[in-house]
Amino acid sequence: MEVPGINFLAIPLKEKENWSLEIRPKANLFDLKFKEFWQYRDLITLFVRRELVPTYKQTILGPLWFILQPLLTTLIYSLIFGAIARIPIGGMPQIVFYLPGIVLWNFFNSSFLKCSSTFISNAPIFGKVYFPRLVLPVSGMLASLVNFFIQFGLFLVFFLYYYLFSDYQLHPNWHIALLPMLILTVAFYSLGFGMMVSAFTTRYRDLTHFLAFGTQLLMYATPIIYPMDIVPDKFKWINSINPLSPVFEGFRQSFLGIGQFQTQNLVISFGLGILIFFTGLILFNKAERTSIDTV
């Protein structure tokens, strides 16, 4: 068929199209696309803000809850484990002994729970727009990290007061230099375990009912409300198989100078944390392919 004025021979059969974004299926489990993740760093900032702002919006005390929550928890621990149970804490002030463990545990627990519900909580978003799914667990961890630094600042206020103006013998030492490693280790574990659980819950929803109970058991198996040196020998294996134990013991020992802390245990925990993180990332990467169909 001929159309006057149009030369079909001059029209190319297929034009090469230039796209600003091309979405391809992942080739294998190890196709993690970190470069693409970095390109969405502005979106991470928005999600971190989304995590922080609504938490205490339309509340009477607002952001003060960031400070009141660890203070009230410390008060309860001091009453139950200090005044009633009389667990020895090495002659330290109760608030300085309990608060660092509470602050670090809040970081781990909050980050873990946010990461573990990534696919279930954000299924409506995943079904409408594309972005690297890793953005959400990382955003949840960073929001928890902001909360941690606020509460850590609160601990430093009490620590400096007792260190400078009281008769208590606090012995901060060079282990304070390991604080970035301690925090990073907790971040690796919370992200790794969180992404593992998030990957499994796309198919096994009843796993979510175990989370609160499981994290509660893990808290008591971690030296938060007690120093490791008071644990009876027959129960020390519980703390020894808990990779978070050297992290929490090291965090407290850095400022107070009490407890059983060995640098090699922290190095082992750090290496295991990296392994847990990449294992969780691979499982998360695999679950991402079919999450919309299974959630």
Protein backbone atom coordinates (compact mmCIF):
# COMPACT_ATOMS: atom_id res chain seq x y z
CA MET A 1 0.00 0.00 0.00
CA GLU A 2 1.29 3.41 -0.96
CA VAL A 3 0.54 6.61 0.96
CA PRO A 4 1.14 9.82 -0.98
CA GLY A 5 4.01 11.88 0.50
CA ILE A 6 5.41 9.12 2.78
CA ASN A 7 8.42 7.05 1.89
CA PHE A 8 8.26 3.93 4.04
CA LEU A 9 11.74 2.90 2.95
CA ALA A 10 13.13 5.98 4.73
CA ILE A 11 11.59 4.99 8.10
CA PRO A 12 13.87 2.71 10.15
CA LEU A 13 12.25 -0.50 11.23
CA LYS A 14 13.38 -0.08 14.85
CA GLU A 15 14.62 3.00 16.59
CA LYS A 16 17.06 2.59 19.45
CA GLU A 17 15.37 3.96 22.51
CA ASN A 18 17.35 5.74 25.21
CA TRP A 19 15.87 5.19 28.66
CA SER A 20 16.82 7.07 31.79
CA LEU A 21 16.10 3.95 33.86
CA GLU A 22 16.08 0.34 32.78
CA ILE A 23 14.78 -2.27 35.21
CA ARG A 24 16.13 -5.76 34.65
CA PRO A 25 15.54 -8.92 36.66
CA LYS A 26 18.40 -9.94 38.93
CA ALA A 27 20.65 -12.45 37.22
CA ASN A 28 21.62 -14.35 40.38
CA LEU A 29 21.59 -14.20 44.15
CA PHE A 30 24.81 -12.21 44.28
CA ASP A 31 23.55 -9.50 41.93
CA LEU A 32 23.13 -7.05 44.82
CA LYS A 33 23.31 -3.79 42.82
CA PHE A 34 24.99 -1.62 45.44
CA LYS A 35 25.57 1.10 42.84
CA GLU A 36 21.85 1.37 42.17
CA PHE A 37 21.23 1.45 45.92
CA TRP A 38 23.60 4.40 46.29
CA GLN A 39 21.75 6.30 43.58
CA TYR A 40 18.65 6.27 45.81
CA ARG A 41 20.39 7.83 48.83
CA ASP A 42 18.00 10.81 48.76
CA LEU A 43 15.09 8.40 49.11
CA ILE A 44 16.81 6.88 52.15
CA THR A 45 16.80 10.33 53.77
CA LEU A 46 13.08 10.69 53.13
CA PHE A 47 12.32 7.27 54.60
CA VAL A 48 14.43 8.01 57.69
CA ARG A 49 12.42 11.19 58.21
CA ARG A 50 9.23 9.18 57.71
CA GLU A 51 10.32 6.80 60.46
CA LEU A 52 11.22 9.53 62.94
CA VAL A 53 8.63 12.27 62.55
CA PRO A 54 5.33 10.34 62.85
CA THR A 55 6.54 8.39 65.90
CA TYR A 56 5.94 11.22 68.35
CA LYS A 57 3.77 13.48 66.23
CA GLN A 58 0.55 14.61 67.92
CA THR A 59 1.86 13.55 71.32
CA ILE A 60 1.94 15.76 74.40
CA LEU A 61 5.66 15.40 75.09
CA GLY A 62 6.76 14.91 71.50
CA PRO A 63 10.51 14.23 71.04
CA LEU A 64 10.99 14.12 74.81
CA TRP A 65 9.90 10.48 74.59
CA PHE A 66 13.30 9.76 73.03
CA ILE A 67 14.75 10.61 76.45
CA LEU A 68 11.94 9.53 78.77
CA GLN A 69 11.73 5.98 77.41
CA PRO A 70 15.25 4.89 78.46
CA LEU A 71 14.98 6.82 81.74
CA LEU A 72 11.73 5.08 82.69
CA THR A 73 13.17 1.70 81.68
CA THR A 74 16.25 2.36 83.79
CA LEU A 75 14.05 3.31 86.74
CA ILE A 76 12.11 0.04 86.47
CA TYR A 77 15.30 -2.02 86.15
CA SER A 78 16.80 -0.25 89.16
CA LEU A 79 13.71 -1.03 91.22
CA ILE A 80 13.27 -4.67 90.17
CA PHE A 81 16.81 -5.90 89.59
CA GLY A 82 18.62 -3.48 91.89
CA ALA A 83 16.39 -2.89 94.93
CA ILE A 84 14.37 -6.14 94.91
CA ALA A 85 16.55 -8.79 93.25
CA ARG A 86 19.76 -7.08 94.46
CA ILE A 87 21.84 -8.16 91.49
CA PRO A 88 25.42 -6.95 92.15
CA ILE A 89 26.62 -4.31 89.71
CA GLY A 90 30.18 -3.79 90.92
CA GLY A 91 29.43 -0.80 93.13
CA MET A 92 28.42 1.36 90.18
CA PRO A 93 25.56 3.90 90.17
CA GLN A 94 22.47 2.07 88.96
CA ILE A 95 21.59 4.58 86.25
CA VAL A 96 25.13 4.52 84.83
CA PHE A 97 25.22 0.72 84.89
CA TYR A 98 21.81 0.00 83.33
CA LEU A 99 21.49 2.91 80.90
CA PRO A 100 24.26 2.02 78.38
CA GLY A 101 22.91 -1.52 77.96
CA ILE A 102 19.36 -0.22 77.58
CA VAL A 103 20.39 2.37 75.00
CA LEU A 104 22.35 -0.14 72.92
CA TRP A 105 19.60 -2.75 73.18
CA ASN A 106 16.98 -0.21 72.04
CA PHE A 107 19.08 0.37 68.94
CA PHE A 108 19.34 -3.33 68.13
CA ASN A 109 15.72 -4.17 68.96
CA SER A 110 14.19 -1.22 67.10
CA SER A 111 16.35 -1.73 64.02
CA PHE A 112 15.72 -5.48 63.97
CA LEU A 113 11.93 -5.17 64.26
CA LYS A 114 11.76 -2.50 61.55
CA CYS A 115 13.88 -4.57 59.16
CA SER A 116 12.02 -7.80 59.87
CA SER A 117 8.68 -6.35 58.69
CA THR A 118 9.98 -4.78 55.48
CA PHE A 119 7.98 -6.83 52.95
CA ILE A 120 4.76 -7.11 54.97
CA SER A 121 4.54 -3.48 56.10
CA ASN A 122 5.47 -1.97 52.74
CA ALA A 123 3.66 -4.28 50.32
CA PRO A 124 1.36 -1.45 49.04
CA ILE A 125 4.41 0.67 48.15
CA PHE A 126 6.22 -2.21 46.48
CA GLY A 127 3.23 -2.86 44.25
CA LYS A 128 3.12 0.71 42.91
CA VAL A 129 6.65 2.01 42.37
CA TYR A 130 10.11 0.61 41.81
CA PHE A 131 13.14 1.37 43.97
CA PRO A 132 15.81 -0.89 45.50
CA ARG A 133 14.04 -2.72 48.31
CA LEU A 134 17.20 -2.57 50.42
CA VAL A 135 16.45 1.13 50.91
CA LEU A 136 13.76 0.34 53.49
CA PRO A 137 15.67 -1.88 55.96
CA VAL A 138 18.66 0.47 55.79
CA SER A 139 16.36 3.44 56.41
CA GLY A 140 14.85 1.70 59.43
CA MET A 141 18.32 0.99 60.83
CA LEU A 142 19.45 4.61 60.31
CA ALA A 143 16.32 5.95 62.01
CA SER A 144 17.08 3.70 64.99
CA LEU A 145 20.68 4.94 64.89
CA VAL A 146 19.51 8.56 65.20
CA ASN A 147 17.45 7.54 68.22
CA PHE A 148 20.49 5.75 69.64
CA PHE A 149 22.73 8.83 69.43
CA ILE A 150 20.12 10.95 71.23
CA GLN A 151 19.86 8.42 74.05
CA PHE A 152 23.62 7.89 74.09
CA GLY A 153 24.02 11.62 74.65
CA LEU A 154 21.71 11.26 77.66
CA PHE A 155 23.96 8.51 79.04
CA LEU A 156 27.04 10.70 78.58
CA VAL A 157 25.42 13.43 80.69
CA PHE A 158 24.95 11.04 83.63
CA PHE A 159 28.35 9.45 83.11
CA LEU A 160 30.19 12.78 83.18
CA TYR A 161 28.26 13.87 86.26
CA TYR A 162 29.22 10.75 88.26
CA TYR A 163 32.75 10.76 86.87
CA LEU A 164 33.46 14.39 87.74
CA PHE A 165 31.31 15.15 90.77
CA SER A 166 30.83 11.90 92.72
CA ASP A 167 32.91 9.49 94.78
CA TYR A 168 32.10 6.51 92.55
CA GLN A 169 35.13 4.92 90.94
CA LEU A 170 34.43 4.96 87.21
CA HIS A 171 37.33 3.83 85.06
CA PRO A 172 36.94 4.72 81.38
CA ASN A 173 39.71 3.20 79.28
CA TRP A 174 41.10 2.85 75.77
CA HIS A 175 38.25 0.54 74.77
CA ILE A 176 36.24 3.70 74.11
CA ALA A 177 38.13 3.83 70.80
CA LEU A 178 36.25 0.64 69.83
CA LEU A 179 32.82 2.30 70.10
CA PRO A 180 32.42 2.72 66.30
CA MET A 181 33.17 -0.99 65.90
CA LEU A 182 30.67 -1.89 68.64
CA ILE A 183 27.90 0.20 67.07
CA LEU A 184 28.67 -1.12 63.58
CA THR A 185 28.55 -4.69 64.88
CA VAL A 186 25.08 -4.14 66.34
CA ALA A 187 23.98 -2.58 63.04
CA PHE A 188 25.23 -5.64 61.09
CA TYR A 189 23.36 -8.05 63.36
CA SER A 190 20.11 -6.08 63.37
CA LEU A 191 20.14 -5.69 59.58
CA GLY A 192 21.26 -9.26 58.89
CA PHE A 193 18.79 -10.98 61.21
CA GLY A 194 16.06 -8.51 60.25
CA MET A 195 16.45 -9.19 56.53
CA MET A 196 16.48 -12.94 57.16
CA VAL A 197 13.22 -12.79 59.08
CA SER A 198 11.72 -10.42 56.51
CA ALA A 199 12.57 -12.89 53.73
CA PHE A 200 11.03 -15.83 55.59
CA THR A 201 7.86 -13.99 56.66
CA THR A 202 6.82 -13.49 53.04
CA ARG A 203 5.84 -17.18 53.12
CA TYR A 204 5.57 -18.01 56.81
CA ARG A 205 3.50 -15.32 58.50
CA ASP A 206 3.37 -17.06 61.88
CA LEU A 207 7.06 -16.25 62.30
CA THR A 208 6.05 -12.69 63.17
CA HIS A 209 4.31 -13.94 66.33
CA PHE A 210 7.61 -15.33 67.58
CA LEU A 211 9.56 -12.09 67.19
CA ALA A 212 8.52 -10.32 70.39
CA PHE A 213 9.00 -13.48 72.45
CA GLY A 214 12.31 -14.31 70.79
CA THR A 215 13.79 -10.84 71.24
CA GLN A 216 12.74 -10.89 74.90
CA LEU A 217 14.63 -14.16 75.44
CA LEU A 218 17.65 -12.75 73.63
CA MET A 219 17.62 -9.69 75.88
CA TYR A 220 17.89 -11.82 79.03
CA ALA A 221 20.67 -13.88 77.41
CA THR A 222 22.61 -10.64 76.84
CA PRO A 223 24.48 -8.90 79.71
CA ILE A 224 22.26 -5.84 79.90
CA ILE A 225 20.90 -6.04 83.45
CA TYR A 226 23.83 -7.99 84.89
CA PRO A 227 27.62 -8.19 84.44
CA MET A 228 28.95 -11.40 82.92
CA ASP A 229 31.28 -12.08 85.85
CA ILE A 230 28.34 -12.91 88.15
CA VAL A 231 26.93 -15.58 85.83
CA PRO A 232 27.39 -19.09 87.33
CA ASP A 233 29.85 -21.28 85.43
CA LYS A 234 27.16 -23.77 84.40
CA PHE A 235 25.25 -21.01 82.59
CA LYS A 236 28.16 -19.14 81.00
CA TRP A 237 27.74 -21.14 77.79
CA ILE A 238 24.50 -19.21 77.15
CA ASN A 239 26.40 -15.93 77.03
CA SER A 240 29.28 -17.49 75.11
CA ILE A 241 27.08 -18.55 72.19
CA ASN A 242 25.35 -15.16 72.11
CA PRO A 243 27.34 -13.04 69.63
CA LEU A 244 25.97 -9.85 71.17
CA SER A 245 27.45 -10.55 74.61
CA PRO A 246 30.98 -9.22 73.93
CA VAL A 247 29.49 -6.14 72.27
CA PHE A 248 27.36 -5.16 75.27
CA GLU A 249 30.03 -6.12 77.78
CA GLY A 250 32.58 -4.08 75.84
CA PHE A 251 30.25 -1.09 75.61
CA ARG A 252 29.82 -0.97 79.37
CA GLN A 253 33.43 -1.81 80.13
CA SER A 254 34.64 1.08 77.94
CA PHE A 255 33.13 3.61 80.33
CA LEU A 256 32.95 1.88 83.70
CA GLY A 257 36.00 -0.37 83.58
CA ILE A 258 34.13 -3.39 84.97
CA GLY A 259 33.15 -6.73 83.49
CA GLN A 260 34.75 -9.48 81.46
CA PHE A 261 35.79 -8.18 78.07
CA GLN A 262 38.27 -9.64 75.61
CA THR A 263 39.13 -7.88 72.36
CA GLN A 264 39.41 -11.15 70.42
CA ASN A 265 35.81 -12.01 71.29
CA LEU A 266 34.71 -8.68 69.86
CA VAL A 267 36.70 -9.31 66.66
CA ILE A 268 35.02 -12.70 66.29
CA SER A 269 31.60 -11.14 66.92
CA PHE A 270 32.33 -8.41 64.36
CA GLY A 271 33.35 -10.95 61.71
CA LEU A 272 30.27 -13.06 62.40
CA GLY A 273 28.13 -9.92 62.16
CA ILE A 274 29.46 -9.23 58.66
CA LEU A 275 28.69 -12.84 57.68
CA ILE A 276 25.16 -12.58 59.11
CA PHE A 277 24.62 -9.31 57.25
CA PHE A 278 25.60 -10.68 53.83
CA THR A 279 23.64 -13.89 54.43
CA GLY A 280 20.56 -11.84 55.26
CA LEU A 281 21.19 -9.64 52.22
CA ILE A 282 21.32 -12.65 49.89
CA LEU A 283 18.10 -14.11 51.32
CA PHE A 284 16.46 -10.67 51.14
CA ASN A 285 17.60 -10.37 47.53
CA LYS A 286 16.04 -13.75 46.72
CA ALA A 287 12.73 -12.96 48.45
CA GLU A 288 12.51 -9.61 46.68
CA ARG A 289 11.85 -11.32 43.34
CA THR A 290 8.55 -12.88 44.41
CA SER A 291 7.56 -10.78 47.42
CA ILE A 292 4.63 -9.11 45.61
CA ASP A 293 3.16 -12.50 44.73
CA THR A 294 3.55 -14.04 48.19
CA VAL A 295 2.82 -11.16 50.58
